[in-house]
Amino acid sequence: FAELHAAVPGLPLASSRVLPGIVLRRDFAAYCPTDGELRALLVTEPLRPALTAPGVEFVVDSEGQYQASLGWITKRTEALMKHLQSNNVKLLLSSAKQEEVVIYYAKLHGVSVVECLSSEEMALISEITGVSPYAPFGDNMDREITETAVVTFCQPLLLVSKRCVHIGLASVCAFQPHCLILCGPVDGVNEQHAAALQEAFTMLQQLFKTVDQ
């Protein structure tokens, strides 16, 4: 329930509504408008490649070596974004904070980015879509990306002064996600209404639970 409702103080209760899909309470790190259905990729790690494996010391002997290393990172990042573009990936949903070089090449290749998603949000998206996070640098860069989720729409959403991300996900199960936008004059009222609704949903779950004979 926590990931499927958003409380908006400062508006009358009558402004409350139910929206299809889910609302992620953060802004796009990169937004590239696109029409119609698109493919999304879930990632849990920074996409800027590391120069060494964890626990391995990397020694730079000169400024030239350092600049060459930065150049390799930049080319590797650009190659990954081109690979995503060639596989029709238009949206990155990331639990990790991505670096500026990733955001730059994402914008350049028409890939929107939403970062710093919570583990609960990532788990919900995985459950709805049946897709697991993608680990790009351990894989062959040339292989087709199959771990993509179908997104029916992807757009900014303004809730009073807070910019959010509103996406529709093609579900692989009977659950069709919708998000409750719960409005009220102050936070305390919203919290009371949210708690009452959560209790009501819990009661309905218990009421309609299959009884084993």
N, C-alpha and C. Protein backbone atom coordinates (compact mmCIF):
# COMPACT_ATOMS: atom_id res chain seq x y z
N PHE A 1 0.83 -1.20 0.00
CA PHE A 1 0.00 0.00 0.00
C PHE A 1 0.87 1.26 0.00
N ALA A 2 2.00 1.20 0.69
CA ALA A 2 2.87 2.39 0.77
C ALA A 2 3.33 2.84 -0.61
N GLU A 3 3.60 1.87 -1.52
CA GLU A 3 4.07 2.21 -2.86
C GLU A 3 2.93 2.50 -3.83
N LEU A 4 1.70 2.29 -3.40
CA LEU A 4 0.56 2.46 -4.30
C LEU A 4 -0.36 3.60 -3.87
N HIS A 5 0.15 4.50 -3.03
CA HIS A 5 -0.61 5.71 -2.75
C HIS A 5 0.37 6.86 -2.53
N ALA A 6 -0.10 8.06 -2.82
CA ALA A 6 0.70 9.27 -2.61
C ALA A 6 -0.18 10.28 -1.90
N ALA A 7 0.30 10.78 -0.76
CA ALA A 7 -0.44 11.78 0.01
C ALA A 7 -0.03 13.18 -0.45
N VAL A 8 -1.03 14.01 -0.72
CA VAL A 8 -0.78 15.36 -1.23
C VAL A 8 -1.47 16.37 -0.31
N PRO A 9 -0.73 17.02 0.59
CA PRO A 9 -1.35 18.03 1.46
C PRO A 9 -1.59 19.33 0.73
N GLY A 10 -2.56 20.11 1.24
CA GLY A 10 -2.81 21.43 0.67
C GLY A 10 -3.91 21.47 -0.37
N LEU A 11 -4.57 20.32 -0.61
CA LEU A 11 -5.67 20.27 -1.56
C LEU A 11 -6.90 19.68 -0.86
N PRO A 12 -8.10 20.04 -1.31
CA PRO A 12 -9.31 19.46 -0.70
C PRO A 12 -9.40 17.96 -0.98
N LEU A 13 -10.11 17.26 -0.09
CA LEU A 13 -10.27 15.81 -0.23
C LEU A 13 -10.90 15.44 -1.58
N ALA A 14 -11.76 16.32 -2.09
CA ALA A 14 -12.45 16.05 -3.36
C ALA A 14 -11.47 15.96 -4.54
N SER A 15 -10.25 16.44 -4.36
CA SER A 15 -9.25 16.36 -5.43
C SER A 15 -8.60 14.98 -5.51
N SER A 16 -8.88 14.12 -4.55
CA SER A 16 -8.32 12.76 -4.56
C SER A 16 -8.80 12.01 -5.79
N ARG A 17 -7.94 11.13 -6.30
CA ARG A 17 -8.31 10.37 -7.50
C ARG A 17 -7.48 9.09 -7.57
N VAL A 18 -7.90 8.20 -8.44
CA VAL A 18 -7.16 6.97 -8.69
C VAL A 18 -6.57 7.03 -10.09
N LEU A 19 -5.28 6.79 -10.20
CA LEU A 19 -4.60 6.83 -11.50
C LEU A 19 -4.15 5.42 -11.89
N PRO A 20 -4.27 5.06 -13.15
CA PRO A 20 -3.71 3.77 -13.58
C PRO A 20 -2.20 3.79 -13.51
N GLY A 21 -1.60 2.63 -13.29
CA GLY A 21 -0.14 2.55 -13.21
C GLY A 21 0.35 2.90 -11.83
N ILE A 22 1.62 3.30 -11.72
CA ILE A 22 2.21 3.66 -10.44
C ILE A 22 2.84 5.05 -10.53
N VAL A 23 2.91 5.72 -9.39
CA VAL A 23 3.52 7.03 -9.29
C VAL A 23 4.78 6.91 -8.45
N LEU A 24 5.92 7.27 -9.05
CA LEU A 24 7.20 7.25 -8.35
C LEU A 24 7.47 8.66 -7.85
N ARG A 25 7.65 8.82 -6.54
CA ARG A 25 7.71 10.15 -5.95
C ARG A 25 9.12 10.76 -6.03
N ARG A 26 9.56 10.93 -7.26
CA ARG A 26 10.82 11.62 -7.55
C ARG A 26 10.78 12.08 -9.00
N ASP A 27 11.63 13.02 -9.35
CA ASP A 27 11.63 13.58 -10.69
C ASP A 27 12.55 12.75 -11.60
N PHE A 28 12.39 12.92 -12.91
CA PHE A 28 13.30 12.31 -13.87
C PHE A 28 14.69 12.91 -13.70
N ALA A 29 15.72 12.07 -13.73
CA ALA A 29 17.09 12.57 -13.85
C ALA A 29 17.35 12.95 -15.29
N ALA A 30 16.69 12.27 -16.21
CA ALA A 30 16.72 12.61 -17.64
C ALA A 30 15.36 12.24 -18.20
N TYR A 31 14.77 13.14 -18.99
CA TYR A 31 13.46 12.86 -19.57
C TYR A 31 13.49 13.10 -21.07
N CYS A 32 13.18 12.06 -21.82
CA CYS A 32 13.11 12.13 -23.27
C CYS A 32 11.70 11.70 -23.68
N PRO A 33 10.83 12.66 -24.00
CA PRO A 33 9.43 12.31 -24.31
C PRO A 33 9.34 11.31 -25.46
N THR A 34 8.40 10.38 -25.32
CA THR A 34 8.18 9.39 -26.37
C THR A 34 6.71 9.00 -26.37
N ASP A 35 6.18 8.67 -27.54
CA ASP A 35 4.78 8.30 -27.65
C ASP A 35 4.64 6.78 -27.67
N GLY A 36 3.56 6.31 -27.07
CA GLY A 36 3.24 4.90 -27.16
C GLY A 36 4.08 4.02 -26.24
N GLU A 37 4.00 2.74 -26.52
CA GLU A 37 4.65 1.72 -25.70
C GLU A 37 6.17 1.81 -25.81
N LEU A 38 6.86 1.54 -24.71
CA LEU A 38 8.32 1.55 -24.73
C LEU A 38 8.86 0.45 -23.84
N ARG A 39 10.17 0.23 -23.92
CA ARG A 39 10.83 -0.80 -23.12
C ARG A 39 11.63 -0.16 -22.00
N ALA A 40 11.55 -0.77 -20.82
CA ALA A 40 12.27 -0.25 -19.65
C ALA A 40 13.22 -1.32 -19.12
N LEU A 41 14.31 -0.85 -18.52
CA LEU A 41 15.32 -1.73 -17.94
C LEU A 41 15.49 -1.38 -16.47
N LEU A 42 15.52 -2.38 -15.62
CA LEU A 42 15.77 -2.18 -14.19
C LEU A 42 17.24 -2.41 -13.91
N VAL A 43 17.86 -1.49 -13.17
CA VAL A 43 19.27 -1.64 -12.79
C VAL A 43 19.42 -1.31 -11.31
N THR A 44 20.38 -1.97 -10.67
CA THR A 44 20.60 -1.77 -9.23
C THR A 44 22.01 -1.27 -8.93
N GLU A 45 22.77 -0.91 -9.95
CA GLU A 45 24.14 -0.48 -9.75
C GLU A 45 24.46 0.69 -10.68
N PRO A 46 25.47 1.50 -10.35
CA PRO A 46 25.87 2.58 -11.26
C PRO A 46 26.30 2.02 -12.62
N LEU A 47 25.89 2.67 -13.68
CA LEU A 47 26.22 2.19 -15.02
C LEU A 47 27.56 2.71 -15.52
N ARG A 48 28.14 3.67 -14.82
CA ARG A 48 29.49 4.10 -15.16
C ARG A 48 30.45 2.99 -14.76
N PRO A 49 31.20 2.41 -15.69
CA PRO A 49 32.03 1.25 -15.35
C PRO A 49 33.18 1.60 -14.41
N ALA A 50 33.52 0.67 -13.56
CA ALA A 50 34.67 0.84 -12.67
C ALA A 50 35.93 0.40 -13.40
N LEU A 51 37.05 1.00 -13.05
CA LEU A 51 38.32 0.64 -13.70
C LEU A 51 38.87 -0.68 -13.18
N THR A 52 38.51 -1.05 -11.97
CA THR A 52 39.01 -2.30 -11.40
C THR A 52 37.89 -3.04 -10.70
N ALA A 53 38.13 -4.29 -10.40
CA ALA A 53 37.19 -5.08 -9.61
C ALA A 53 37.30 -4.67 -8.15
N PRO A 54 36.26 -4.92 -7.35
CA PRO A 54 36.31 -4.59 -5.92
C PRO A 54 37.50 -5.25 -5.23
N GLY A 55 38.21 -4.48 -4.41
CA GLY A 55 39.35 -5.02 -3.68
C GLY A 55 40.65 -5.01 -4.45
N VAL A 56 40.61 -4.54 -5.70
CA VAL A 56 41.81 -4.49 -6.53
C VAL A 56 42.30 -3.05 -6.61
N GLU A 57 43.58 -2.83 -6.32
CA GLU A 57 44.14 -1.49 -6.35
C GLU A 57 44.48 -1.08 -7.78
N PHE A 58 44.11 0.15 -8.14
CA PHE A 58 44.41 0.67 -9.48
C PHE A 58 45.43 1.80 -9.34
N VAL A 59 46.58 1.63 -9.94
CA VAL A 59 47.67 2.59 -9.80
C VAL A 59 47.83 3.36 -11.11
N VAL A 60 47.82 4.69 -11.01
CA VAL A 60 48.02 5.57 -12.16
C VAL A 60 49.38 6.25 -12.01
N ASP A 61 50.25 6.09 -13.00
CA ASP A 61 51.61 6.62 -12.91
C ASP A 61 51.78 8.01 -13.52
N SER A 62 50.78 8.44 -14.30
CA SER A 62 50.95 9.73 -14.97
C SER A 62 49.59 10.34 -15.28
N GLU A 63 49.62 11.64 -15.59
CA GLU A 63 48.40 12.33 -15.98
C GLU A 63 47.84 11.75 -17.27
N GLY A 64 48.74 11.31 -18.16
CA GLY A 64 48.30 10.71 -19.42
C GLY A 64 47.51 9.43 -19.19
N GLN A 65 48.00 8.59 -18.26
CA GLN A 65 47.28 7.36 -17.94
C GLN A 65 45.91 7.67 -17.33
N TYR A 66 45.87 8.69 -16.49
CA TYR A 66 44.61 9.07 -15.85
C TYR A 66 43.59 9.53 -16.90
N GLN A 67 44.03 10.38 -17.82
CA GLN A 67 43.14 10.87 -18.86
C GLN A 67 42.68 9.74 -19.79
N ALA A 68 43.61 8.80 -20.06
CA ALA A 68 43.25 7.65 -20.89
C ALA A 68 42.20 6.79 -20.19
N SER A 69 42.31 6.66 -18.87
CA SER A 69 41.33 5.89 -18.10
C SER A 69 39.96 6.55 -18.15
N LEU A 70 39.94 7.88 -17.99
CA LEU A 70 38.67 8.60 -18.08
C LEU A 70 38.06 8.46 -19.48
N GLY A 71 38.92 8.48 -20.49
CA GLY A 71 38.44 8.31 -21.86
C GLY A 71 37.81 6.94 -22.07
N TRP A 72 38.44 5.91 -21.47
CA TRP A 72 37.89 4.55 -21.59
C TRP A 72 36.52 4.46 -20.93
N ILE A 73 36.39 5.08 -19.75
CA ILE A 73 35.10 5.07 -19.04
C ILE A 73 34.03 5.74 -19.89
N THR A 74 34.36 6.89 -20.48
CA THR A 74 33.40 7.63 -21.29
C THR A 74 32.95 6.82 -22.50
N LYS A 75 33.92 6.21 -23.20
CA LYS A 75 33.58 5.41 -24.39
C LYS A 75 32.75 4.19 -24.02
N ARG A 76 33.08 3.58 -22.89
CA ARG A 76 32.34 2.40 -22.43
C ARG A 76 30.89 2.77 -22.09
N THR A 77 30.72 3.91 -21.43
CA THR A 77 29.38 4.37 -21.08
C THR A 77 28.56 4.70 -22.33
N GLU A 78 29.20 5.38 -23.29
CA GLU A 78 28.51 5.70 -24.53
C GLU A 78 28.13 4.43 -25.29
N ALA A 79 29.02 3.45 -25.30
CA ALA A 79 28.73 2.19 -25.99
C ALA A 79 27.53 1.49 -25.36
N LEU A 80 27.43 1.54 -24.01
CA LEU A 80 26.30 0.91 -23.34
C LEU A 80 25.00 1.60 -23.72
N MET A 81 24.99 2.93 -23.76
CA MET A 81 23.77 3.64 -24.12
C MET A 81 23.36 3.37 -25.57
N LYS A 82 24.35 3.26 -26.44
CA LYS A 82 24.03 2.89 -27.83
C LYS A 82 23.44 1.49 -27.89
N HIS A 83 23.96 0.60 -27.05
CA HIS A 83 23.45 -0.77 -26.99
C HIS A 83 22.01 -0.78 -26.49
N LEU A 84 21.71 0.02 -25.48
CA LEU A 84 20.33 0.12 -25.00
C LEU A 84 19.42 0.67 -26.10
N GLN A 85 19.88 1.70 -26.79
CA GLN A 85 19.10 2.30 -27.86
C GLN A 85 18.81 1.29 -28.97
N SER A 86 19.81 0.50 -29.32
CA SER A 86 19.62 -0.50 -30.39
C SER A 86 18.68 -1.62 -29.97
N ASN A 87 18.49 -1.80 -28.66
CA ASN A 87 17.55 -2.80 -28.15
C ASN A 87 16.21 -2.17 -27.76
N ASN A 88 15.97 -0.95 -28.22
CA ASN A 88 14.70 -0.23 -28.01
C ASN A 88 14.40 0.07 -26.55
N VAL A 89 15.43 0.13 -25.72
CA VAL A 89 15.25 0.52 -24.32
C VAL A 89 15.15 2.05 -24.26
N LYS A 90 14.04 2.56 -23.74
CA LYS A 90 13.81 4.01 -23.68
C LYS A 90 13.71 4.54 -22.25
N LEU A 91 13.78 3.62 -21.26
CA LEU A 91 13.62 4.05 -19.87
C LEU A 91 14.50 3.19 -18.96
N LEU A 92 15.28 3.85 -18.11
CA LEU A 92 16.08 3.19 -17.08
C LEU A 92 15.45 3.47 -15.73
N LEU A 93 15.14 2.41 -14.98
CA LEU A 93 14.63 2.53 -13.63
C LEU A 93 15.72 2.01 -12.70
N SER A 94 16.33 2.90 -11.95
CA SER A 94 17.55 2.56 -11.21
C SER A 94 17.39 2.80 -9.71
N SER A 95 17.83 1.82 -8.92
CA SER A 95 17.86 2.03 -7.48
C SER A 95 19.13 2.77 -7.07
N ALA A 96 20.12 2.82 -7.96
CA ALA A 96 21.39 3.50 -7.67
C ALA A 96 21.38 4.91 -8.23
N LYS A 97 22.15 5.78 -7.60
CA LYS A 97 22.38 7.12 -8.14
C LYS A 97 23.35 7.01 -9.31
N GLN A 98 22.97 7.56 -10.46
CA GLN A 98 23.82 7.47 -11.65
C GLN A 98 24.66 8.74 -11.79
N GLU A 99 25.84 8.59 -12.35
CA GLU A 99 26.74 9.73 -12.49
C GLU A 99 26.39 10.55 -13.73
N GLU A 100 26.94 11.77 -13.77
CA GLU A 100 26.58 12.73 -14.82
C GLU A 100 26.88 12.20 -16.22
N VAL A 101 27.96 11.43 -16.37
CA VAL A 101 28.30 10.90 -17.70
C VAL A 101 27.21 9.96 -18.20
N VAL A 102 26.60 9.21 -17.29
CA VAL A 102 25.50 8.31 -17.66
C VAL A 102 24.28 9.13 -18.08
N ILE A 103 23.94 10.15 -17.29
CA ILE A 103 22.78 10.99 -17.60
C ILE A 103 22.99 11.70 -18.94
N TYR A 104 24.21 12.17 -19.19
CA TYR A 104 24.51 12.88 -20.44
C TYR A 104 24.27 11.98 -21.65
N TYR A 105 24.83 10.76 -21.63
CA TYR A 105 24.67 9.88 -22.78
C TYR A 105 23.27 9.29 -22.87
N ALA A 106 22.58 9.18 -21.74
CA ALA A 106 21.18 8.76 -21.78
C ALA A 106 20.34 9.78 -22.55
N LYS A 107 20.50 11.06 -22.22
CA LYS A 107 19.78 12.11 -22.93
C LYS A 107 20.15 12.12 -24.41
N LEU A 108 21.43 11.91 -24.70
CA LEU A 108 21.92 11.96 -26.08
C LEU A 108 21.29 10.85 -26.92
N HIS A 109 20.97 9.71 -26.30
CA HIS A 109 20.44 8.56 -27.04
C HIS A 109 18.96 8.30 -26.75
N GLY A 110 18.27 9.30 -26.20
CA GLY A 110 16.82 9.19 -26.05
C GLY A 110 16.35 8.24 -24.98
N VAL A 111 17.14 8.10 -23.91
CA VAL A 111 16.77 7.19 -22.82
C VAL A 111 16.44 8.02 -21.58
N SER A 112 15.22 7.90 -21.08
CA SER A 112 14.84 8.57 -19.84
C SER A 112 15.40 7.79 -18.66
N VAL A 113 15.69 8.50 -17.57
CA VAL A 113 16.29 7.88 -16.38
C VAL A 113 15.53 8.31 -15.13
N VAL A 114 15.14 7.33 -14.32
CA VAL A 114 14.62 7.59 -12.98
C VAL A 114 15.55 6.85 -12.02
N GLU A 115 16.13 7.59 -11.08
CA GLU A 115 17.14 6.98 -10.20
C GLU A 115 16.72 7.06 -8.74
N CYS A 116 17.51 6.37 -7.90
CA CYS A 116 17.31 6.37 -6.44
C CYS A 116 15.96 5.79 -6.03
N LEU A 117 15.46 4.80 -6.79
CA LEU A 117 14.24 4.10 -6.39
C LEU A 117 14.52 3.25 -5.16
N SER A 118 13.52 3.11 -4.30
CA SER A 118 13.68 2.30 -3.10
C SER A 118 13.65 0.81 -3.46
N SER A 119 14.14 -0.01 -2.55
CA SER A 119 14.11 -1.45 -2.78
C SER A 119 12.67 -1.95 -2.88
N GLU A 120 11.75 -1.32 -2.13
CA GLU A 120 10.34 -1.71 -2.20
C GLU A 120 9.74 -1.37 -3.56
N GLU A 121 10.08 -0.21 -4.11
CA GLU A 121 9.58 0.16 -5.44
C GLU A 121 10.14 -0.77 -6.50
N MET A 122 11.43 -1.11 -6.41
CA MET A 122 12.04 -2.02 -7.38
C MET A 122 11.39 -3.40 -7.29
N ALA A 123 11.14 -3.86 -6.07
CA ALA A 123 10.51 -5.18 -5.89
C ALA A 123 9.10 -5.19 -6.46
N LEU A 124 8.35 -4.09 -6.27
CA LEU A 124 6.99 -4.00 -6.81
C LEU A 124 7.01 -4.03 -8.33
N ILE A 125 7.92 -3.26 -8.94
CA ILE A 125 8.00 -3.24 -10.41
C ILE A 125 8.39 -4.62 -10.94
N SER A 126 9.32 -5.29 -10.27
CA SER A 126 9.72 -6.64 -10.68
C SER A 126 8.55 -7.61 -10.58
N GLU A 127 7.76 -7.49 -9.51
CA GLU A 127 6.62 -8.39 -9.33
C GLU A 127 5.57 -8.17 -10.40
N ILE A 128 5.31 -6.90 -10.73
CA ILE A 128 4.29 -6.59 -11.74
C ILE A 128 4.73 -7.06 -13.12
N THR A 129 5.98 -6.80 -13.47
CA THR A 129 6.46 -7.06 -14.84
C THR A 129 7.10 -8.43 -15.02
N GLY A 130 7.50 -9.07 -13.93
CA GLY A 130 8.21 -10.34 -14.03
C GLY A 130 9.63 -10.20 -14.52
N VAL A 131 10.20 -8.99 -14.43
CA VAL A 131 11.54 -8.71 -14.93
C VAL A 131 12.50 -8.50 -13.77
N SER A 132 13.69 -9.09 -13.88
CA SER A 132 14.73 -8.92 -12.87
C SER A 132 15.71 -7.83 -13.32
N PRO A 133 16.42 -7.21 -12.36
CA PRO A 133 17.41 -6.19 -12.74
C PRO A 133 18.49 -6.73 -13.66
N TYR A 134 19.01 -5.86 -14.48
CA TYR A 134 20.00 -6.19 -15.52
C TYR A 134 21.39 -5.80 -15.03
N ALA A 135 22.37 -6.68 -15.26
CA ALA A 135 23.76 -6.41 -14.90
C ALA A 135 24.58 -6.29 -16.18
N PRO A 136 24.76 -5.07 -16.71
CA PRO A 136 25.32 -4.91 -18.05
C PRO A 136 26.78 -5.27 -18.19
N PHE A 137 27.64 -4.91 -17.23
CA PHE A 137 29.07 -5.05 -17.48
C PHE A 137 29.59 -6.45 -17.27
N GLY A 138 28.76 -7.33 -16.72
CA GLY A 138 29.19 -8.72 -16.63
C GLY A 138 28.80 -9.52 -17.86
N ASP A 139 28.09 -8.89 -18.77
CA ASP A 139 27.56 -9.59 -19.94
C ASP A 139 28.29 -9.18 -21.21
N ASN A 140 28.05 -9.96 -22.24
CA ASN A 140 28.54 -9.62 -23.57
C ASN A 140 27.75 -8.41 -24.08
N MET A 141 28.44 -7.33 -24.40
CA MET A 141 27.79 -6.10 -24.82
C MET A 141 26.99 -6.27 -26.11
N ASP A 142 27.33 -7.30 -26.89
CA ASP A 142 26.68 -7.47 -28.19
C ASP A 142 25.40 -8.29 -28.12
N ARG A 143 25.15 -8.93 -26.99
CA ARG A 143 23.98 -9.81 -26.95
C ARG A 143 22.69 -9.01 -26.82
N GLU A 144 21.59 -9.59 -27.29
CA GLU A 144 20.29 -8.93 -27.20
C GLU A 144 19.85 -8.83 -25.75
N ILE A 145 19.28 -7.69 -25.38
CA ILE A 145 18.78 -7.51 -24.02
C ILE A 145 17.35 -8.01 -23.97
N THR A 146 17.12 -9.02 -23.15
CA THR A 146 15.78 -9.60 -23.05
C THR A 146 15.09 -9.26 -21.74
N GLU A 147 15.83 -8.72 -20.76
CA GLU A 147 15.27 -8.43 -19.43
C GLU A 147 14.60 -7.06 -19.42
N THR A 148 13.65 -6.84 -20.33
CA THR A 148 13.01 -5.54 -20.41
C THR A 148 11.53 -5.64 -20.02
N ALA A 149 11.04 -4.58 -19.41
CA ALA A 149 9.64 -4.49 -19.04
C ALA A 149 8.90 -3.62 -20.05
N VAL A 150 7.65 -3.96 -20.31
CA VAL A 150 6.83 -3.16 -21.22
C VAL A 150 6.16 -2.04 -20.43
N VAL A 151 6.41 -0.81 -20.86
CA VAL A 151 5.81 0.37 -20.23
C VAL A 151 4.83 0.98 -21.23
N THR A 152 3.58 1.12 -20.82
CA THR A 152 2.54 1.60 -21.75
C THR A 152 2.54 3.13 -21.87
N PHE A 153 2.98 3.82 -20.81
CA PHE A 153 3.16 5.27 -20.88
C PHE A 153 4.17 5.69 -19.81
N CYS A 154 4.77 6.83 -20.03
CA CYS A 154 5.80 7.34 -19.12
C CYS A 154 5.79 8.87 -19.23
N GLN A 155 5.44 9.55 -18.13
CA GLN A 155 5.28 11.00 -18.22
C GLN A 155 5.49 11.65 -16.86
N PRO A 156 5.84 12.94 -16.85
CA PRO A 156 5.95 13.67 -15.58
C PRO A 156 4.55 13.90 -15.00
N LEU A 157 4.50 14.00 -13.69
CA LEU A 157 3.25 14.29 -12.99
C LEU A 157 3.56 15.30 -11.89
N LEU A 158 2.81 16.39 -11.85
CA LEU A 158 3.02 17.43 -10.84
C LEU A 158 1.95 17.31 -9.77
N LEU A 159 2.37 17.01 -8.54
CA LEU A 159 1.45 16.95 -7.40
C LEU A 159 1.73 18.18 -6.53
N VAL A 160 0.92 19.21 -6.72
CA VAL A 160 1.12 20.53 -6.12
C VAL A 160 2.50 21.04 -6.57
N SER A 161 3.51 21.02 -5.70
CA SER A 161 4.83 21.53 -6.09
C SER A 161 5.85 20.42 -6.28
N LYS A 162 5.44 19.17 -6.11
CA LYS A 162 6.39 18.06 -6.20
C LYS A 162 6.28 17.38 -7.56
N ARG A 163 7.41 17.28 -8.24
CA ARG A 163 7.45 16.62 -9.54
C ARG A 163 7.65 15.12 -9.35
N CYS A 164 6.80 14.33 -9.99
CA CYS A 164 6.84 12.87 -9.85
C CYS A 164 6.90 12.23 -11.24
N VAL A 165 7.06 10.92 -11.24
CA VAL A 165 7.08 10.15 -12.48
C VAL A 165 5.88 9.21 -12.48
N HIS A 166 5.08 9.27 -13.54
CA HIS A 166 3.88 8.44 -13.65
C HIS A 166 4.09 7.46 -14.81
N ILE A 167 4.10 6.17 -14.49
CA ILE A 167 4.32 5.16 -15.53
C ILE A 167 3.25 4.08 -15.47
N GLY A 168 2.93 3.55 -16.64
CA GLY A 168 2.03 2.41 -16.75
C GLY A 168 2.84 1.17 -17.08
N LEU A 169 2.57 0.07 -16.38
CA LEU A 169 3.34 -1.16 -16.57
C LEU A 169 2.43 -2.27 -17.07
N ALA A 170 2.87 -2.98 -18.10
CA ALA A 170 2.14 -4.16 -18.58
C ALA A 170 2.37 -5.29 -17.58
N SER A 171 1.30 -5.74 -16.94
CA SER A 171 1.41 -6.74 -15.88
C SER A 171 1.42 -8.16 -16.45
N VAL A 172 2.25 -9.01 -15.85
CA VAL A 172 2.31 -10.41 -16.27
C VAL A 172 1.44 -11.27 -15.35
N CYS A 173 0.73 -10.64 -14.42
CA CYS A 173 -0.14 -11.38 -13.51
C CYS A 173 -1.52 -10.72 -13.50
N ALA A 174 -2.41 -11.22 -12.67
CA ALA A 174 -3.77 -10.69 -12.63
C ALA A 174 -3.81 -9.29 -12.03
N PHE A 175 -2.80 -8.94 -11.26
CA PHE A 175 -2.77 -7.63 -10.60
C PHE A 175 -2.54 -6.52 -11.60
N GLN A 176 -3.45 -5.58 -11.67
CA GLN A 176 -3.32 -4.40 -12.53
C GLN A 176 -3.10 -3.18 -11.64
N PRO A 177 -1.88 -2.66 -11.56
CA PRO A 177 -1.58 -1.61 -10.58
C PRO A 177 -2.29 -0.29 -10.86
N HIS A 178 -2.80 0.30 -9.80
CA HIS A 178 -3.35 1.65 -9.81
C HIS A 178 -2.82 2.36 -8.57
N CYS A 179 -2.71 3.68 -8.65
CA CYS A 179 -2.17 4.46 -7.54
C CYS A 179 -3.24 5.44 -7.04
N LEU A 180 -3.41 5.49 -5.74
CA LEU A 180 -4.35 6.40 -5.11
C LEU A 180 -3.65 7.72 -4.79
N ILE A 181 -4.14 8.81 -5.35
CA ILE A 181 -3.66 10.15 -5.01
C ILE A 181 -4.60 10.69 -3.94
N LEU A 182 -4.12 10.71 -2.71
CA LEU A 182 -4.96 11.04 -1.56
C LEU A 182 -4.69 12.48 -1.13
N CYS A 183 -5.67 13.34 -1.31
CA CYS A 183 -5.51 14.76 -1.01
C CYS A 183 -6.21 15.12 0.31
N GLY A 184 -5.68 16.13 0.97
CA GLY A 184 -6.24 16.61 2.22
C GLY A 184 -5.60 17.93 2.59
N PRO A 185 -6.19 18.65 3.53
CA PRO A 185 -5.66 19.98 3.86
C PRO A 185 -4.28 19.95 4.51
N VAL A 186 -4.02 18.94 5.36
CA VAL A 186 -2.74 18.86 6.07
C VAL A 186 -2.28 17.41 6.12
N ASP A 187 -1.00 17.20 6.44
CA ASP A 187 -0.43 15.86 6.48
C ASP A 187 -1.17 14.95 7.45
N GLY A 188 -1.54 15.48 8.63
CA GLY A 188 -2.20 14.65 9.64
C GLY A 188 -3.49 14.04 9.14
N VAL A 189 -4.30 14.82 8.42
CA VAL A 189 -5.56 14.31 7.87
C VAL A 189 -5.28 13.23 6.82
N ASN A 190 -4.29 13.48 5.98
CA ASN A 190 -3.93 12.49 4.97
C ASN A 190 -3.49 11.18 5.60
N GLU A 191 -2.69 11.27 6.66
CA GLU A 191 -2.23 10.06 7.34
C GLU A 191 -3.39 9.27 7.93
N GLN A 192 -4.37 9.97 8.49
CA GLN A 192 -5.54 9.30 9.04
C GLN A 192 -6.33 8.58 7.94
N HIS A 193 -6.55 9.28 6.82
CA HIS A 193 -7.29 8.68 5.71
C HIS A 193 -6.54 7.48 5.13
N ALA A 194 -5.22 7.61 4.99
CA ALA A 194 -4.42 6.52 4.44
C ALA A 194 -4.48 5.30 5.36
N ALA A 195 -4.38 5.53 6.67
CA ALA A 195 -4.44 4.42 7.62
C ALA A 195 -5.80 3.73 7.57
N ALA A 196 -6.88 4.52 7.46
CA ALA A 196 -8.22 3.95 7.39
C ALA A 196 -8.40 3.12 6.12
N LEU A 197 -7.90 3.64 5.00
CA LEU A 197 -8.02 2.91 3.74
C LEU A 197 -7.21 1.62 3.77
N GLN A 198 -6.01 1.67 4.34
CA GLN A 198 -5.18 0.47 4.42
C GLN A 198 -5.87 -0.59 5.26
N GLU A 199 -6.49 -0.19 6.36
CA GLU A 199 -7.22 -1.14 7.20
C GLU A 199 -8.41 -1.72 6.44
N ALA A 200 -9.07 -0.89 5.63
CA ALA A 200 -10.21 -1.38 4.85
C ALA A 200 -9.76 -2.40 3.82
N PHE A 201 -8.64 -2.14 3.16
CA PHE A 201 -8.13 -3.11 2.18
C PHE A 201 -7.70 -4.41 2.86
N THR A 202 -7.10 -4.29 4.03
CA THR A 202 -6.71 -5.50 4.78
C THR A 202 -7.93 -6.32 5.14
N MET A 203 -9.01 -5.64 5.56
CA MET A 203 -10.25 -6.34 5.89
C MET A 203 -10.82 -7.05 4.67
N LEU A 204 -10.80 -6.36 3.52
CA LEU A 204 -11.31 -6.99 2.29
C LEU A 204 -10.47 -8.20 1.88
N GLN A 205 -9.14 -8.10 2.06
CA GLN A 205 -8.28 -9.24 1.76
C GLN A 205 -8.66 -10.44 2.62
N GLN A 206 -8.90 -10.19 3.90
CA GLN A 206 -9.28 -11.26 4.80
C GLN A 206 -10.65 -11.83 4.43
N LEU A 207 -11.57 -10.94 4.04
CA LEU A 207 -12.92 -11.36 3.70
C LEU A 207 -12.95 -12.27 2.48
N PHE A 208 -12.11 -11.93 1.48
CA PHE A 208 -12.13 -12.68 0.22
C PHE A 208 -11.04 -13.74 0.13
N LYS A 209 -10.35 -13.98 1.23
CA LYS A 209 -9.32 -15.01 1.24
C LYS A 209 -9.97 -16.37 1.05
N THR A 210 -9.34 -17.20 0.22
CA THR A 210 -9.87 -18.54 -0.04
C THR A 210 -9.84 -19.38 1.23
N VAL A 211 -10.97 -19.99 1.53
CA VAL A 211 -11.07 -20.84 2.71
C VAL A 211 -10.90 -22.29 2.27
N ASP A 212 -9.90 -22.95 2.82
CA ASP A 212 -9.68 -24.36 2.48
C ASP A 212 -10.72 -25.22 3.20
N GLN A 213 -11.44 -26.02 2.43
CA GLN A 213 -12.46 -26.89 3.01
C GLN A 213 -11.82 -28.21 3.45
